[in-house]
């Protein structure tokens, strides 16, 4: 169950980062981690990238408060701690 939540949250974060056109390197790393998880079911990298994505989105939200939802950041934070 926790793995499903982090995959869902990271997929949403990846999509949002792509839409905003920021953190291209992080988007690539998230895609790689999601693919790796699908192959070996080891979620360790997903937790690390969820934390990084949450930080990146929080920083962007400070400058552009209406472009990133609080729910997305909260979902990432919760999933990273699960």
N, C-alpha and C. Protein backbone atom coordinates (compact mmCIF):
# COMPACT_ATOMS: atom_id res chain seq x y z
N UNK A 1 0.82 -1.20 0.00
CA UNK A 1 0.00 0.00 0.00
C UNK A 1 0.86 1.26 0.00
N UNK A 2 1.88 1.31 0.83
CA UNK A 2 2.74 2.49 0.89
C UNK A 2 3.47 2.70 -0.44
N UNK A 3 3.84 1.59 -1.08
CA UNK A 3 4.53 1.69 -2.37
C UNK A 3 3.61 2.30 -3.42
N UNK A 4 2.34 1.94 -3.40
CA UNK A 4 1.38 2.50 -4.35
C UNK A 4 1.25 4.01 -4.16
N UNK A 5 1.22 4.44 -2.90
CA UNK A 5 1.07 5.87 -2.62
C UNK A 5 2.28 6.67 -3.08
N UNK A 6 3.48 6.14 -2.85
CA UNK A 6 4.66 6.90 -3.25
C UNK A 6 4.79 6.94 -4.77
N UNK A 7 4.44 5.84 -5.44
CA UNK A 7 4.47 5.84 -6.90
C UNK A 7 3.47 6.86 -7.45
N UNK A 8 2.28 6.87 -6.88
CA UNK A 8 1.25 7.83 -7.31
C UNK A 8 1.69 9.27 -7.07
N UNK A 9 2.22 9.53 -5.87
CA UNK A 9 2.66 10.89 -5.53
C UNK A 9 3.83 11.33 -6.42
N UNK A 10 4.78 10.44 -6.64
CA UNK A 10 5.93 10.79 -7.47
C UNK A 10 5.54 10.99 -8.93
N UNK A 11 4.61 10.22 -9.41
CA UNK A 11 4.14 10.39 -10.78
C UNK A 11 3.48 11.77 -10.93
N UNK A 12 2.68 12.15 -9.94
CA UNK A 12 2.05 13.47 -9.95
C UNK A 12 3.08 14.59 -9.90
N UNK A 13 4.10 14.40 -9.07
CA UNK A 13 5.16 15.40 -8.95
C UNK A 13 5.94 15.52 -10.25
N UNK A 14 6.25 14.38 -10.86
CA UNK A 14 6.98 14.38 -12.13
C UNK A 14 6.18 15.12 -13.20
N UNK A 15 4.89 14.85 -13.25
CA UNK A 15 4.03 15.52 -14.23
C UNK A 15 4.00 17.02 -13.98
N UNK A 16 3.90 17.42 -12.72
CA UNK A 16 3.83 18.84 -12.38
C UNK A 16 5.15 19.54 -12.69
N UNK A 17 6.27 18.91 -12.34
CA UNK A 17 7.57 19.50 -12.64
C UNK A 17 7.75 19.66 -14.15
N UNK A 18 7.30 18.67 -14.91
CA UNK A 18 7.39 18.74 -16.37
C UNK A 18 6.52 19.87 -16.91
N UNK A 19 5.30 19.98 -16.39
CA UNK A 19 4.38 21.04 -16.82
C UNK A 19 4.96 22.42 -16.53
N UNK A 20 5.58 22.57 -15.37
CA UNK A 20 6.16 23.86 -14.99
C UNK A 20 7.47 24.14 -15.71
N UNK A 21 8.10 23.09 -16.26
CA UNK A 21 9.35 23.27 -16.98
C UNK A 21 10.54 23.52 -16.07
N UNK A 22 10.50 22.94 -14.87
CA UNK A 22 11.59 23.13 -13.91
C UNK A 22 12.18 21.77 -13.53
N UNK A 23 13.39 21.81 -13.00
CA UNK A 23 14.04 20.62 -12.44
C UNK A 23 14.07 19.45 -13.42
N UNK A 24 14.57 19.70 -14.62
CA UNK A 24 14.61 18.64 -15.64
C UNK A 24 15.44 17.44 -15.20
N UNK A 25 16.54 17.70 -14.51
CA UNK A 25 17.39 16.61 -14.02
C UNK A 25 16.62 15.76 -13.01
N UNK A 26 15.90 16.39 -12.11
CA UNK A 26 15.12 15.67 -11.12
C UNK A 26 14.02 14.84 -11.79
N UNK A 27 13.39 15.39 -12.81
CA UNK A 27 12.36 14.65 -13.55
C UNK A 27 12.96 13.38 -14.15
N UNK A 28 14.15 13.50 -14.73
CA UNK A 28 14.82 12.33 -15.30
C UNK A 28 15.14 11.30 -14.23
N UNK A 29 15.60 11.76 -13.08
CA UNK A 29 15.92 10.85 -11.98
C UNK A 29 14.67 10.16 -11.45
N UNK A 30 13.57 10.89 -11.37
CA UNK A 30 12.30 10.30 -10.91
C UNK A 30 11.86 9.22 -11.90
N UNK A 31 11.93 9.53 -13.19
CA UNK A 31 11.55 8.54 -14.20
C UNK A 31 12.40 7.28 -14.08
N UNK A 32 13.70 7.46 -13.87
CA UNK A 32 14.60 6.33 -13.73
C UNK A 32 14.24 5.52 -12.48
N UNK A 33 14.00 6.20 -11.37
CA UNK A 33 13.65 5.50 -10.13
C UNK A 33 12.32 4.75 -10.26
N UNK A 34 11.34 5.33 -10.93
CA UNK A 34 10.07 4.65 -11.13
C UNK A 34 10.26 3.39 -11.98
N UNK A 35 11.08 3.48 -13.01
CA UNK A 35 11.37 2.32 -13.83
C UNK A 35 12.13 1.26 -13.06
N UNK A 36 13.08 1.68 -12.27
CA UNK A 36 13.87 0.76 -11.45
C UNK A 36 12.97 0.06 -10.44
N UNK A 37 12.07 0.81 -9.82
CA UNK A 37 11.14 0.23 -8.85
C UNK A 37 10.24 -0.81 -9.51
N UNK A 38 9.78 -0.53 -10.71
CA UNK A 38 8.93 -1.48 -11.43
C UNK A 38 9.69 -2.79 -11.69
N UNK A 39 11.00 -2.68 -11.85
CA UNK A 39 11.82 -3.85 -12.14
C UNK A 39 12.19 -4.64 -10.89
N UNK A 40 12.64 -3.93 -9.83
CA UNK A 40 13.17 -4.64 -8.67
C UNK A 40 12.36 -4.48 -7.38
N UNK A 41 11.33 -3.67 -7.39
CA UNK A 41 10.45 -3.45 -6.22
C UNK A 41 11.18 -2.91 -4.99
N UNK A 42 12.29 -2.24 -5.21
CA UNK A 42 13.03 -1.62 -4.11
C UNK A 42 12.67 -0.13 -4.09
N UNK A 43 11.91 0.33 -3.08
CA UNK A 43 11.41 1.71 -3.08
C UNK A 43 12.38 2.75 -2.51
N UNK A 44 13.59 2.38 -2.16
CA UNK A 44 14.51 3.30 -1.49
C UNK A 44 14.71 4.60 -2.28
N UNK A 45 14.96 4.51 -3.57
CA UNK A 45 15.17 5.71 -4.38
C UNK A 45 13.93 6.57 -4.49
N UNK A 46 12.76 5.93 -4.44
CA UNK A 46 11.51 6.69 -4.53
C UNK A 46 11.36 7.63 -3.35
N UNK A 47 11.72 7.17 -2.17
CA UNK A 47 11.60 8.02 -0.97
C UNK A 47 12.53 9.21 -1.07
N UNK A 48 13.75 8.98 -1.54
CA UNK A 48 14.72 10.07 -1.69
C UNK A 48 14.23 11.10 -2.70
N UNK A 49 13.73 10.64 -3.83
CA UNK A 49 13.27 11.56 -4.88
C UNK A 49 11.99 12.27 -4.47
N UNK A 50 11.15 11.62 -3.68
CA UNK A 50 9.93 12.28 -3.19
C UNK A 50 10.30 13.47 -2.31
N UNK A 51 11.31 13.29 -1.47
CA UNK A 51 11.77 14.38 -0.61
C UNK A 51 12.33 15.53 -1.45
N UNK A 52 13.14 15.18 -2.45
CA UNK A 52 13.72 16.21 -3.33
C UNK A 52 12.64 16.94 -4.12
N UNK A 53 11.66 16.20 -4.62
CA UNK A 53 10.58 16.81 -5.40
C UNK A 53 9.74 17.74 -4.52
N UNK A 54 9.46 17.31 -3.30
CA UNK A 54 8.69 18.15 -2.38
C UNK A 54 9.43 19.46 -2.11
N UNK A 55 10.73 19.38 -1.91
CA UNK A 55 11.53 20.59 -1.66
C UNK A 55 11.52 21.52 -2.88
N UNK A 56 11.67 20.93 -4.06
CA UNK A 56 11.68 21.73 -5.29
C UNK A 56 10.33 22.41 -5.50
N UNK A 57 9.25 21.68 -5.28
CA UNK A 57 7.92 22.25 -5.47
C UNK A 57 7.60 23.30 -4.41
N UNK A 58 8.06 23.09 -3.18
CA UNK A 58 7.85 24.10 -2.13
C UNK A 58 8.58 25.40 -2.50
N UNK A 59 9.80 25.28 -2.98
CA UNK A 59 10.57 26.47 -3.37
C UNK A 59 9.88 27.20 -4.52
N UNK A 60 9.37 26.46 -5.50
CA UNK A 60 8.67 27.08 -6.61
C UNK A 60 7.38 27.73 -6.14
N UNK A 61 6.69 27.08 -5.21
CA UNK A 61 5.42 27.59 -4.70
C UNK A 61 5.59 28.93 -3.98
N UNK A 62 6.73 29.15 -3.35
CA UNK A 62 6.97 30.42 -2.66
C UNK A 62 6.92 31.60 -3.63
N UNK A 63 7.42 31.38 -4.83
CA UNK A 63 7.43 32.43 -5.85
C UNK A 63 6.14 32.47 -6.67
N UNK A 64 5.49 31.30 -6.79
CA UNK A 64 4.29 31.16 -7.62
C UNK A 64 3.24 30.37 -6.85
N UNK A 65 2.61 30.98 -5.86
CA UNK A 65 1.74 30.24 -4.94
C UNK A 65 0.55 29.53 -5.57
N UNK A 66 0.07 29.98 -6.70
CA UNK A 66 -1.12 29.37 -7.29
C UNK A 66 -0.80 28.25 -8.29
N UNK A 67 0.46 28.04 -8.59
CA UNK A 67 0.82 27.06 -9.62
C UNK A 67 1.08 25.66 -9.07
N UNK A 68 1.26 25.53 -7.75
CA UNK A 68 1.52 24.22 -7.15
C UNK A 68 0.55 24.04 -5.99
N UNK A 69 -0.16 22.91 -6.00
CA UNK A 69 -1.15 22.68 -4.94
C UNK A 69 -0.48 22.20 -3.66
N UNK A 70 -1.03 22.64 -2.56
CA UNK A 70 -0.55 22.21 -1.25
C UNK A 70 -0.75 20.70 -1.10
N UNK A 71 -1.83 20.18 -1.68
CA UNK A 71 -2.12 18.76 -1.59
C UNK A 71 -1.01 17.92 -2.22
N UNK A 72 -0.49 18.35 -3.35
CA UNK A 72 0.59 17.61 -4.01
C UNK A 72 1.82 17.55 -3.11
N UNK A 73 2.17 18.66 -2.52
CA UNK A 73 3.34 18.70 -1.63
C UNK A 73 3.07 17.85 -0.39
N UNK A 74 1.88 17.95 0.17
CA UNK A 74 1.52 17.13 1.34
C UNK A 74 1.56 15.64 1.02
N UNK A 75 1.03 15.27 -0.14
CA UNK A 75 1.05 13.85 -0.55
C UNK A 75 2.47 13.33 -0.68
N UNK A 76 3.34 14.14 -1.27
CA UNK A 76 4.74 13.74 -1.42
C UNK A 76 5.41 13.58 -0.06
N UNK A 77 5.18 14.54 0.82
CA UNK A 77 5.78 14.50 2.14
C UNK A 77 5.32 13.27 2.93
N UNK A 78 4.02 13.01 2.90
CA UNK A 78 3.48 11.83 3.60
C UNK A 78 4.03 10.54 3.01
N UNK A 79 4.07 10.46 1.70
CA UNK A 79 4.55 9.24 1.05
C UNK A 79 6.03 9.00 1.34
N UNK A 80 6.80 10.07 1.43
CA UNK A 80 8.23 9.93 1.70
C UNK A 80 8.49 9.44 3.11
N UNK A 81 7.59 9.72 4.02
CA UNK A 81 7.76 9.32 5.42
C UNK A 81 7.15 7.96 5.71
N UNK A 82 6.36 7.42 4.78
CA UNK A 82 5.68 6.15 5.01
C UNK A 82 6.64 4.98 5.06
